[in-house]
Amino acid sequence: MNPANFITRRGFFGQAGAGVLTGALSSIIGRDAVVPSGGTLGSPHHLPRARRVIHLCMAGGPSHLETFDYKPELARLHGEPMPESFTKGQQIAQLQGAALKCFGPQHPFAHYGESGQHICTLFPKIGGHADKLCIVRSMHTDDINHDPAHTMMNTGSGLSGRPSMGSWTTWGLGVDTEDLPGYVVLTSVGKGGQSQPIAARQWSAGFLPGRHQGVHLKSQGEPVHYVSSPDAGALEGQRRLVDAVARLNAQENERAPDPEIETRLAQYELAYRMQTSVPDLVDLSGETEETFELYGTRGGDGTYAANCLLARRLAERGVRFIQLYHRGWDHHGGVKRSMEITAKEVDQATGALLTDLDRRGMLEDTLVLWGGEFGRTPMGQGDGRDHHIKGFSCWMAGGGVQGGISYGETDELGYAAVQDPVHVHDLHATMLHLLGVEHKRMTFRFQGRDYRLTDVSGRVMRAWLA
């Protein structure tokens, strides 16, 4: 390599990096307000229907057979041997080699709304919004164990290291808030089933710039450690410290350009601003008694209901992507009683969130997605159900989705998606479409390949669109 060319190239990148950081520093040092940052796309590919996403992730794999996919034939065959034609040669997580018997739905279903959506009676509040729901009964996925299945649902791949869908969204479209992260994660633990752990890499930015990873806010106590505002004098000192660190980082970037320096700058600045925005976020004194009754919580108690209320407040404040993980759906045993407990934990709050968004005029541009990483077997595991990837259900509401419809079907026993099958890639492609993104055009070059959320497949499910 010619040394002169090397110096010229290094000088060029140093000057370019310094220019980028000068812009960042101007927002830190010379202005009182930061303009919310745009994404890499510059602007959406087409007119978006949704501005934000709230993903209600029922971690553990809720049974489609006790939620949104009623199978009377399975009920009729309860206790009978499972027909071998369904299962021969199939991947079955923990029932391999066992005597497979049909295990009928453990709770009744009813028709809800003018659309007559068929929903389990354990979910009357969600059922009350039936005419807003697009219920998908033909989902299927690739991975039969929890962690890789969560990774697939979040990143479009069962392998670790890819960016999560929230990270792709903020990277491509930017953020609408200057004082909070653009991608926030909340977690809760249910009492009705095994609570599988959720790894922080599920909301990782992967190979995208680190500032796009999800920020996990605690749902009890201080949402973020060490973010409480100090007294006024200390706050002024922090401002000077942040400014000084920014200048030092800018000088380092001139010497050895590194895109993560810009991330570090942005995160220091965001942390400083969160000292005032986070306490306001969790201060519920302005909420009405009617709202507390609607959600069934006064907030701050670590429950899924409290997180739903917080999700609405995050959405109001411009957070682009919000995920609520509720751990408690892994019902290998006692599925009848366990479903009663877990459904009660989520039904009222989910219905309240839809009501609250709707009455504030926010549901029309908020895409709400409810579902787990996979479903459960129509064969019994004692009095419970095993993991199942061949067919399961989810639903969406708001954000440009057509309400009051059901899409796709599993077979008569609920084993496999047989009519209009939908893969996780199709779900991601449709979500991005509603956000104004053509999924094939949002790519990131990494290790010699152009990656995208939908990998090498994915269809926009236009039948779901309003």
Protein backbone atom coordinates (compact mmCIF):
# COMPACT_ATOMS: atom_id res chain seq x y z
CA MET A 1 0.00 0.00 0.00
CA ASN A 2 1.31 3.45 -0.89
CA PRO A 3 1.96 5.36 2.37
CA ALA A 4 0.83 8.59 0.78
CA ASN A 5 -2.50 7.07 -0.18
CA PHE A 6 -2.90 5.58 3.29
CA ILE A 7 -2.34 8.96 4.94
CA THR A 8 -4.75 10.63 2.55
CA ARG A 9 -7.40 8.02 3.20
CA ARG A 10 -6.96 8.22 6.96
CA GLY A 11 -7.09 11.98 6.80
CA PHE A 12 -10.27 11.82 4.78
CA PHE A 13 -12.03 9.54 7.26
CA GLY A 14 -10.75 11.55 10.17
CA GLN A 15 -12.15 14.75 8.72
CA ALA A 16 -15.43 13.05 7.78
CA GLY A 17 -15.77 11.56 11.25
CA ALA A 18 -14.96 14.88 12.84
CA GLY A 19 -17.70 16.46 10.72
CA VAL A 20 -20.24 13.93 11.92
CA LEU A 21 -19.20 14.40 15.51
CA THR A 22 -19.21 18.17 15.18
CA GLY A 23 -22.90 17.87 14.37
CA ALA A 24 -23.41 15.61 17.37
CA LEU A 25 -21.47 17.96 19.61
CA SER A 26 -23.52 20.94 18.47
CA SER A 27 -26.61 19.19 19.76
CA ILE A 28 -24.90 18.42 23.05
CA ILE A 29 -23.16 21.72 23.70
CA GLY A 30 -24.91 24.43 21.76
CA ARG A 31 -28.61 23.59 21.86
CA ASP A 32 -31.24 23.02 24.51
CA ALA A 33 -33.18 20.47 22.48
CA VAL A 34 -32.11 17.59 20.28
CA VAL A 35 -34.07 16.95 17.11
CA PRO A 36 -35.17 13.30 17.03
CA SER A 37 -32.78 11.46 14.75
CA GLY A 38 -33.74 10.14 11.35
CA GLY A 39 -32.98 6.62 10.24
CA THR A 40 -30.64 5.28 7.64
CA LEU A 41 -33.42 5.15 5.05
CA GLY A 42 -33.83 8.92 5.22
CA SER A 43 -37.58 8.53 4.70
CA PRO A 44 -39.99 5.59 4.46
CA HIS A 45 -40.23 3.78 1.13
CA HIS A 46 -43.97 4.44 1.03
CA LEU A 47 -46.65 6.08 3.16
CA PRO A 48 -46.62 4.27 6.52
CA ARG A 49 -49.79 3.15 8.22
CA ALA A 50 -48.08 2.53 11.58
CA ARG A 51 -45.78 4.89 13.41
CA ARG A 52 -44.82 2.55 16.22
CA VAL A 53 -45.06 -1.10 17.30
CA ILE A 54 -46.08 -2.62 20.63
CA HIS A 55 -45.12 -6.30 20.68
CA LEU A 56 -46.89 -8.26 23.43
CA CYS A 57 -44.66 -11.33 23.60
CA MET A 58 -46.25 -14.25 25.46
CA ALA A 59 -43.00 -15.99 26.31
CA GLY A 60 -43.13 -19.76 26.67
CA GLY A 61 -45.46 -20.64 23.81
CA PRO A 62 -49.18 -20.11 24.50
CA SER A 63 -51.40 -22.95 23.36
CA HIS A 64 -53.35 -21.97 20.25
CA LEU A 65 -55.85 -24.66 21.27
CA GLU A 66 -56.84 -22.72 24.41
CA THR A 67 -56.61 -19.24 22.90
CA PHE A 68 -57.63 -18.63 19.27
CA ASP A 69 -57.87 -21.94 17.40
CA TYR A 70 -60.88 -24.04 18.42
CA LYS A 71 -60.84 -27.65 17.25
CA PRO A 72 -64.09 -29.55 17.90
CA GLU A 73 -62.72 -32.67 16.19
CA LEU A 74 -59.80 -32.71 18.64
CA ALA A 75 -62.34 -32.43 21.46
CA ARG A 76 -64.26 -35.39 20.03
CA LEU A 77 -61.11 -37.52 19.89
CA HIS A 78 -59.90 -36.57 23.39
CA GLY A 79 -58.05 -39.54 24.90
CA GLU A 80 -57.93 -41.46 21.63
CA PRO A 81 -54.61 -42.33 19.93
CA MET A 82 -53.31 -39.51 17.78
CA PRO A 83 -53.61 -40.58 14.12
CA GLU A 84 -50.13 -41.58 12.95
CA SER A 85 -50.72 -39.83 9.64
CA PHE A 86 -50.28 -36.51 11.44
CA THR A 87 -47.10 -37.25 13.38
CA LYS A 88 -45.07 -39.92 11.59
CA GLY A 89 -41.55 -38.67 10.94
CA GLN A 90 -42.31 -35.29 12.52
CA GLN A 91 -40.15 -33.37 14.99
CA ILE A 92 -41.78 -33.52 18.42
CA ALA A 93 -39.82 -31.90 21.23
CA GLN A 94 -40.29 -34.12 24.26
CA LEU A 95 -42.88 -36.69 23.20
CA GLN A 96 -40.65 -38.65 20.80
CA GLY A 97 -41.31 -42.35 21.28
CA ALA A 98 -44.20 -41.77 23.70
CA ALA A 99 -47.75 -43.00 23.16
CA LEU A 100 -49.42 -40.01 21.55
CA LYS A 101 -53.02 -39.35 22.55
CA CYS A 102 -55.32 -36.56 21.46
CA PHE A 103 -55.76 -33.90 24.11
CA GLY A 104 -58.89 -31.84 23.52
CA PRO A 105 -59.32 -28.11 24.17
CA GLN A 106 -59.52 -27.56 27.92
CA HIS A 107 -61.75 -24.48 27.82
CA PRO A 108 -64.76 -23.48 25.74
CA PHE A 109 -64.77 -20.97 22.89
CA ALA A 110 -67.36 -18.37 21.96
CA HIS A 111 -68.02 -15.94 19.12
CA TYR A 112 -67.17 -12.30 19.86
CA GLY A 113 -68.04 -9.06 18.12
CA GLU A 114 -70.09 -8.42 15.03
CA SER A 115 -67.40 -10.30 13.11
CA GLY A 116 -68.04 -13.42 15.20
CA GLN A 117 -64.38 -14.08 15.90
CA HIS A 118 -63.94 -17.47 17.60
CA ILE A 119 -61.95 -16.89 20.81
CA CYS A 120 -61.50 -18.89 24.01
CA THR A 121 -63.74 -17.67 26.83
CA LEU A 122 -60.66 -17.20 29.02
CA PHE A 123 -60.11 -13.95 27.08
CA PRO A 124 -63.34 -11.92 27.32
CA LYS A 125 -61.58 -8.53 27.37
CA ILE A 126 -59.55 -9.33 24.27
CA GLY A 127 -62.72 -10.78 22.79
CA GLY A 128 -64.39 -7.44 23.40
CA HIS A 129 -62.04 -6.04 20.74
CA ALA A 130 -62.71 -8.85 18.26
CA ASP A 131 -63.73 -6.43 15.52
CA LYS A 132 -60.30 -4.76 15.75
CA LEU A 133 -58.32 -8.01 15.58
CA CYS A 134 -56.68 -9.74 12.66
CA ILE A 135 -56.26 -13.28 14.03
CA VAL A 136 -53.70 -15.42 12.21
CA ARG A 137 -54.28 -19.13 12.83
CA SER A 138 -51.69 -20.54 10.43
CA MET A 139 -48.35 -19.42 11.84
CA HIS A 140 -45.37 -21.77 11.68
CA THR A 141 -41.71 -21.42 12.63
CA ASP A 142 -38.41 -23.31 12.48
CA ASP A 143 -37.10 -23.92 16.00
CA ILE A 144 -38.71 -26.15 18.58
CA ASN A 145 -36.85 -24.98 21.71
CA HIS A 146 -37.56 -21.72 23.49
CA ASP A 147 -34.36 -19.73 23.06
CA PRO A 148 -33.81 -20.27 19.33
CA ALA A 149 -37.55 -19.86 18.73
CA HIS A 150 -37.48 -16.50 20.51
CA THR A 151 -34.40 -15.61 18.49
CA MET A 152 -36.24 -16.48 15.28
CA MET A 153 -39.28 -14.42 16.29
CA ASN A 154 -37.08 -11.46 17.19
CA THR A 155 -34.38 -11.54 14.54
CA GLY A 156 -35.60 -13.74 11.68
CA SER A 157 -32.94 -16.33 12.43
CA GLY A 158 -32.59 -19.07 15.02
CA LEU A 159 -28.87 -18.27 15.27
CA SER A 160 -27.67 -15.66 17.72
CA GLY A 161 -25.97 -12.48 16.56
CA ARG A 162 -28.55 -10.97 14.19
CA PRO A 163 -30.24 -7.64 14.98
CA SER A 164 -33.66 -7.73 16.59
CA MET A 165 -36.72 -6.35 14.79
CA GLY A 166 -36.82 -3.36 17.12
CA SER A 167 -33.22 -2.56 16.25
CA TRP A 168 -33.88 -2.88 12.51
CA THR A 169 -36.85 -0.53 12.92
CA THR A 170 -35.00 2.26 14.72
CA TRP A 171 -31.95 1.87 12.46
CA GLY A 172 -34.05 2.23 9.35
CA LEU A 173 -36.64 4.77 10.46
CA GLY A 174 -34.97 6.63 13.31
CA VAL A 175 -36.67 7.69 16.52
CA ASP A 176 -39.45 10.09 17.45
CA THR A 177 -38.20 10.93 20.92
CA GLU A 178 -35.22 12.92 22.16
CA ASP A 179 -35.42 11.99 25.84
CA LEU A 180 -36.09 8.25 25.83
CA PRO A 181 -34.64 5.27 23.95
CA GLY A 182 -36.31 4.52 20.64
CA TYR A 183 -36.59 0.81 21.55
CA VAL A 184 -37.70 -0.20 25.05
CA VAL A 185 -38.21 -3.66 26.59
CA LEU A 186 -40.32 -4.49 29.66
CA THR A 187 -40.58 -7.92 31.30
CA SER A 188 -42.93 -9.59 33.77
CA VAL A 189 -43.20 -13.08 35.25
CA GLY A 190 -46.49 -14.97 35.45
CA LYS A 191 -47.63 -17.45 38.07
CA GLY A 192 -49.37 -19.94 35.82
CA GLY A 193 -46.50 -21.85 34.22
CA GLN A 194 -42.76 -22.32 33.92
CA SER A 195 -40.97 -19.00 33.42
CA GLN A 196 -38.30 -19.61 30.82
CA PRO A 197 -35.43 -17.09 30.99
CA ILE A 198 -35.25 -14.36 28.34
CA ALA A 199 -31.71 -13.43 27.31
CA ALA A 200 -30.85 -9.77 26.73
CA ARG A 201 -29.53 -10.68 23.29
CA GLN A 202 -33.17 -11.01 22.20
CA TRP A 203 -33.21 -7.22 21.93
CA SER A 204 -29.61 -6.89 20.74
CA ALA A 205 -28.62 -4.67 17.84
CA GLY A 206 -26.39 -7.47 16.53
CA PHE A 207 -24.10 -6.05 13.86
CA LEU A 208 -26.04 -2.77 13.64
CA PRO A 209 -24.67 0.23 15.57
CA GLY A 210 -24.99 -0.39 19.29
CA ARG A 211 -27.27 2.59 19.95
CA HIS A 212 -30.13 0.68 18.29
CA GLN A 213 -30.29 -2.14 20.84
CA GLY A 214 -33.31 -2.30 23.12
CA VAL A 215 -33.14 -0.74 26.57
CA HIS A 216 -34.56 -2.96 29.29
CA LEU A 217 -36.50 -0.89 31.82
CA LYS A 218 -37.27 -2.51 35.17
CA SER A 219 -40.94 -2.60 36.06
CA GLN A 220 -40.40 -2.25 39.82
CA GLY A 221 -38.39 0.37 41.67
CA GLU A 222 -36.12 2.59 39.61
CA PRO A 223 -36.64 1.70 35.93
CA VAL A 224 -32.94 2.33 35.22
CA HIS A 225 -30.11 2.06 37.76
CA TYR A 226 -28.32 5.32 38.59
CA VAL A 227 -30.60 7.47 36.44
CA SER A 228 -32.24 9.44 39.25
CA SER A 229 -31.60 13.16 38.92
CA PRO A 230 -29.06 14.55 41.38
CA ASP A 231 -29.50 17.98 42.93
CA ALA A 232 -29.22 21.00 40.66
CA GLY A 233 -25.53 21.61 41.34
CA ALA A 234 -24.62 18.01 40.61
CA LEU A 235 -26.72 18.08 37.44
CA GLU A 236 -24.77 21.09 36.18
CA GLY A 237 -21.55 19.24 36.93
CA GLN A 238 -22.78 16.25 34.98
CA ARG A 239 -23.55 18.52 32.03
CA ARG A 240 -19.96 19.76 32.05
CA LEU A 241 -18.67 16.19 32.36
CA VAL A 242 -20.76 14.97 29.42
CA ASP A 243 -19.54 17.89 27.31
CA ALA A 244 -15.90 17.23 28.23
CA VAL A 245 -16.19 13.51 27.44
CA ALA A 246 -17.81 14.40 24.12
CA ARG A 247 -14.88 16.60 23.17
CA LEU A 248 -12.39 13.89 24.11
CA ASN A 249 -14.31 11.31 22.07
CA ALA A 250 -14.34 13.68 19.08
CA GLN A 251 -10.57 14.04 19.32
CA GLU A 252 -10.17 10.26 19.51
CA ASN A 253 -12.36 9.84 16.47
CA GLU A 254 -10.13 12.24 14.52
CA ARG A 255 -7.13 10.10 15.41
CA ALA A 256 -8.74 6.68 14.77
CA PRO A 257 -12.26 6.80 13.26
CA ASP A 258 -14.71 4.40 14.93
CA PRO A 259 -18.50 4.42 14.36
CA GLU A 260 -19.07 3.23 17.91
CA ILE A 261 -17.71 6.56 19.20
CA GLU A 262 -20.80 8.24 17.78
CA THR A 263 -22.89 5.63 19.57
CA ARG A 264 -21.05 6.36 22.83
CA LEU A 265 -21.69 10.08 22.42
CA ALA A 266 -25.37 9.54 21.77
CA GLN A 267 -25.76 7.21 24.75
CA TYR A 268 -24.03 9.61 27.16
CA GLU A 269 -26.35 12.37 26.01
CA LEU A 270 -29.43 10.14 26.23
CA ALA A 271 -28.49 8.98 29.74
CA TYR A 272 -28.20 12.61 30.81
CA ARG A 273 -31.61 13.47 29.40
CA MET A 274 -33.22 10.35 30.88
CA GLN A 275 -32.55 11.73 34.35
CA THR A 276 -35.57 13.97 33.83
CA SER A 277 -37.61 11.95 31.30
CA VAL A 278 -37.66 8.61 33.16
CA PRO A 279 -39.01 9.96 36.47
CA ASP A 280 -41.75 11.72 34.49
CA LEU A 281 -42.48 8.48 32.62
CA VAL A 282 -43.11 6.50 35.80
CA ASP A 283 -44.89 9.29 37.68
CA LEU A 284 -48.50 8.10 37.39
CA SER A 285 -50.01 10.85 39.55
CA GLY A 286 -51.69 12.31 36.46
CA GLU A 287 -53.50 9.08 35.59
CA THR A 288 -57.18 8.85 36.52
CA GLU A 289 -58.78 6.34 38.85
CA GLU A 290 -60.77 5.09 35.87
CA THR A 291 -57.52 4.30 34.04
CA PHE A 292 -56.14 2.37 37.03
CA GLU A 293 -59.39 0.38 37.20
CA LEU A 294 -59.29 -0.23 33.45
CA TYR A 295 -55.82 -1.82 33.63
CA GLY A 296 -56.35 -3.42 37.03
CA THR A 297 -53.20 -1.90 38.53
CA ARG A 298 -51.89 1.31 40.00
CA GLY A 299 -48.55 0.69 38.28
CA GLY A 300 -45.05 0.02 39.55
CA ASP A 301 -45.82 -3.49 40.79
CA GLY A 302 -43.86 -5.46 38.21
CA THR A 303 -46.95 -7.03 36.64
CA TYR A 304 -47.84 -7.37 32.99
CA ALA A 305 -50.73 -4.98 33.65
CA ALA A 306 -48.37 -2.30 34.96
CA ASN A 307 -46.18 -2.80 31.91
CA CYS A 308 -49.17 -2.36 29.59
CA LEU A 309 -49.94 0.99 31.23
CA LEU A 310 -46.28 1.96 30.93
CA ALA A 311 -46.30 0.88 27.27
CA ARG A 312 -49.06 3.35 26.53
CA ARG A 313 -47.07 6.12 28.21
CA LEU A 314 -43.95 5.16 26.26
CA ALA A 315 -45.92 5.22 23.01
CA GLU A 316 -47.28 8.67 23.87
CA ARG A 317 -43.72 9.91 24.37
CA GLY A 318 -42.55 8.80 20.94
CA VAL A 319 -40.87 5.45 21.61
CA ARG A 320 -40.81 3.64 18.26
CA PHE A 321 -40.67 -0.02 19.33
CA ILE A 322 -41.95 -1.39 22.65
CA GLN A 323 -41.76 -5.04 23.69
CA LEU A 324 -43.53 -6.57 26.67
CA TYR A 325 -42.36 -10.07 27.57
CA HIS A 326 -44.71 -11.98 29.87
CA ARG A 327 -43.04 -15.17 31.04
CA GLY A 328 -45.44 -17.89 32.14
CA TRP A 329 -46.85 -19.74 29.13
CA ASP A 330 -44.73 -22.93 29.18
CA HIS A 331 -47.53 -25.29 30.16
CA HIS A 332 -46.07 -28.79 30.00
CA GLY A 333 -48.37 -29.85 32.81
CA GLY A 334 -51.70 -28.75 34.25
CA VAL A 335 -52.58 -26.75 31.16
CA LYS A 336 -56.23 -26.32 32.15
CA ARG A 337 -55.54 -24.58 35.47
CA SER A 338 -52.35 -22.90 34.24
CA MET A 339 -54.18 -21.31 31.32
CA GLU A 340 -56.79 -19.90 33.71
CA ILE A 341 -54.07 -18.20 35.76
CA THR A 342 -51.98 -16.87 32.89
CA ALA A 343 -54.95 -15.73 30.81
CA LYS A 344 -56.26 -13.76 33.79
CA GLU A 345 -52.87 -12.07 34.13
CA VAL A 346 -52.92 -10.76 30.57
CA ASP A 347 -56.53 -10.51 29.34
CA GLN A 348 -57.73 -7.43 31.22
CA ALA A 349 -54.54 -5.44 30.69
CA THR A 350 -54.32 -6.29 26.99
CA GLY A 351 -57.92 -5.25 26.48
CA ALA A 352 -57.24 -2.09 28.49
CA LEU A 353 -54.25 -1.22 26.33
CA LEU A 354 -56.33 -1.53 23.15
CA THR A 355 -59.12 0.55 24.70
CA ASP A 356 -56.72 3.21 25.95
CA LEU A 357 -54.87 3.54 22.65
CA ASP A 358 -58.14 3.66 20.73
CA ARG A 359 -59.78 6.37 22.82
CA ARG A 360 -56.64 8.52 22.58
CA GLY A 361 -56.60 8.22 18.80
CA MET A 362 -53.34 6.26 18.89
CA LEU A 363 -54.44 2.79 17.80
CA GLU A 364 -54.78 3.84 14.17
CA ASP A 365 -51.01 4.41 13.93
CA THR A 366 -49.86 1.88 16.55
CA LEU A 367 -49.40 -1.73 15.44
CA VAL A 368 -50.11 -4.07 18.35
CA LEU A 369 -48.84 -7.64 17.93
CA TRP A 370 -49.76 -10.44 20.40
CA GLY A 371 -48.21 -13.90 20.29
CA GLY A 372 -45.54 -16.31 21.45
CA GLU A 373 -42.53 -18.02 19.94
CA PHE A 374 -44.52 -21.16 18.98
CA GLY A 375 -47.66 -23.09 19.94
CA ARG A 376 -48.42 -26.34 21.80
CA THR A 377 -49.14 -29.88 20.68
CA PRO A 378 -52.65 -31.28 20.21
CA MET A 379 -51.25 -34.42 21.86
CA GLY A 380 -51.11 -34.58 25.62
CA GLN A 381 -48.00 -34.55 27.74
CA GLY A 382 -49.81 -35.90 30.77
CA ASP A 383 -52.25 -33.07 31.45
CA GLY A 384 -50.14 -30.51 29.59
CA ARG A 385 -48.86 -29.78 26.08
CA ASP A 386 -45.43 -29.91 24.47
CA HIS A 387 -43.70 -27.33 22.23
CA HIS A 388 -45.10 -27.14 18.71
CA ILE A 389 -43.88 -25.32 15.57
CA LYS A 390 -46.12 -26.66 12.78
CA GLY A 391 -49.11 -24.46 13.56
CA PHE A 392 -49.98 -21.73 16.07
CA SER A 393 -51.80 -18.40 16.38
CA CYS A 394 -51.11 -14.71 16.86
CA TRP A 395 -53.11 -11.53 16.34
CA MET A 396 -52.57 -7.92 15.36
CA ALA A 397 -54.60 -4.75 15.82
CA GLY A 398 -54.33 -1.13 14.74
CA GLY A 399 -51.58 0.33 12.57
CA GLY A 400 -53.26 -0.30 9.22
CA VAL A 401 -54.37 -3.89 9.93
CA GLN A 402 -57.85 -4.98 8.90
CA GLY A 403 -59.93 -5.77 11.97
CA GLY A 404 -62.55 -8.45 12.47
CA ILE A 405 -60.88 -11.06 10.26
CA SER A 406 -59.33 -14.48 10.74
CA TYR A 407 -56.61 -15.65 8.38
CA GLY A 408 -55.44 -19.19 7.66
CA GLU A 409 -56.26 -22.49 9.28
CA THR A 410 -54.62 -25.48 10.86
CA ASP A 411 -55.91 -28.99 10.16
CA GLU A 412 -58.90 -30.44 12.05
CA LEU A 413 -56.69 -31.41 15.01
CA GLY A 414 -54.69 -28.18 15.16
CA TYR A 415 -51.43 -29.93 14.26
CA ALA A 416 -50.20 -28.15 11.12
CA ALA A 417 -50.98 -24.97 9.19
CA VAL A 418 -52.75 -26.21 6.05
CA GLN A 419 -54.53 -23.15 4.65
CA ASP A 420 -52.54 -19.99 3.89
CA PRO A 421 -49.47 -20.87 6.03
CA VAL A 422 -47.60 -17.87 7.44
CA HIS A 423 -43.92 -17.96 8.39
CA VAL A 424 -42.23 -15.60 10.84
CA HIS A 425 -40.52 -13.93 7.85
CA ASP A 426 -43.95 -13.09 6.43
CA LEU A 427 -44.97 -11.53 9.74
CA HIS A 428 -41.82 -9.39 9.75
CA ALA A 429 -42.26 -8.37 6.11
CA THR A 430 -45.82 -7.23 6.81
CA MET A 431 -44.84 -5.36 9.97
CA LEU A 432 -42.16 -3.46 8.06
CA HIS A 433 -44.61 -2.73 5.23
CA LEU A 434 -47.04 -1.16 7.70
CA LEU A 435 -44.15 0.98 8.99
CA GLY A 436 -43.50 2.19 5.44
CA VAL A 437 -40.54 -0.09 4.68
CA GLU A 438 -40.09 -2.46 1.75
CA HIS A 439 -38.35 -5.29 3.56
CA LYS A 440 -36.14 -6.33 0.63
CA ARG A 441 -34.73 -2.81 0.36
CA MET A 442 -33.66 -2.39 4.00
CA THR A 443 -30.31 -4.19 4.15
CA PHE A 444 -27.04 -3.92 6.05
CA ARG A 445 -23.71 -5.02 4.59
CA PHE A 446 -21.87 -7.29 7.02
CA GLN A 447 -19.01 -9.73 6.40
CA GLY A 448 -19.52 -9.54 2.65
CA ARG A 449 -23.27 -10.13 2.63
CA ASP A 450 -26.34 -7.89 2.57
CA TYR A 451 -28.46 -8.91 5.56
CA ARG A 452 -32.08 -8.03 6.23
CA LEU A 453 -34.67 -8.86 8.89
CA THR A 454 -36.51 -11.25 6.55
CA ASP A 455 -33.30 -13.05 5.55
CA VAL A 456 -33.90 -14.37 1.99
CA SER A 457 -37.69 -14.73 2.07
CA GLY A 458 -40.79 -13.05 3.47
CA ARG A 459 -44.05 -11.93 1.87
CA VAL A 460 -46.22 -8.93 2.65
CA MET A 461 -49.57 -10.42 3.67
CA ARG A 462 -51.82 -7.98 1.85
CA ALA A 463 -54.97 -9.78 2.96
CA TRP A 464 -54.28 -8.44 6.45
CA LEU A 465 -54.16 -4.80 5.39
CA ALA A 466 -57.04 -2.41 5.91
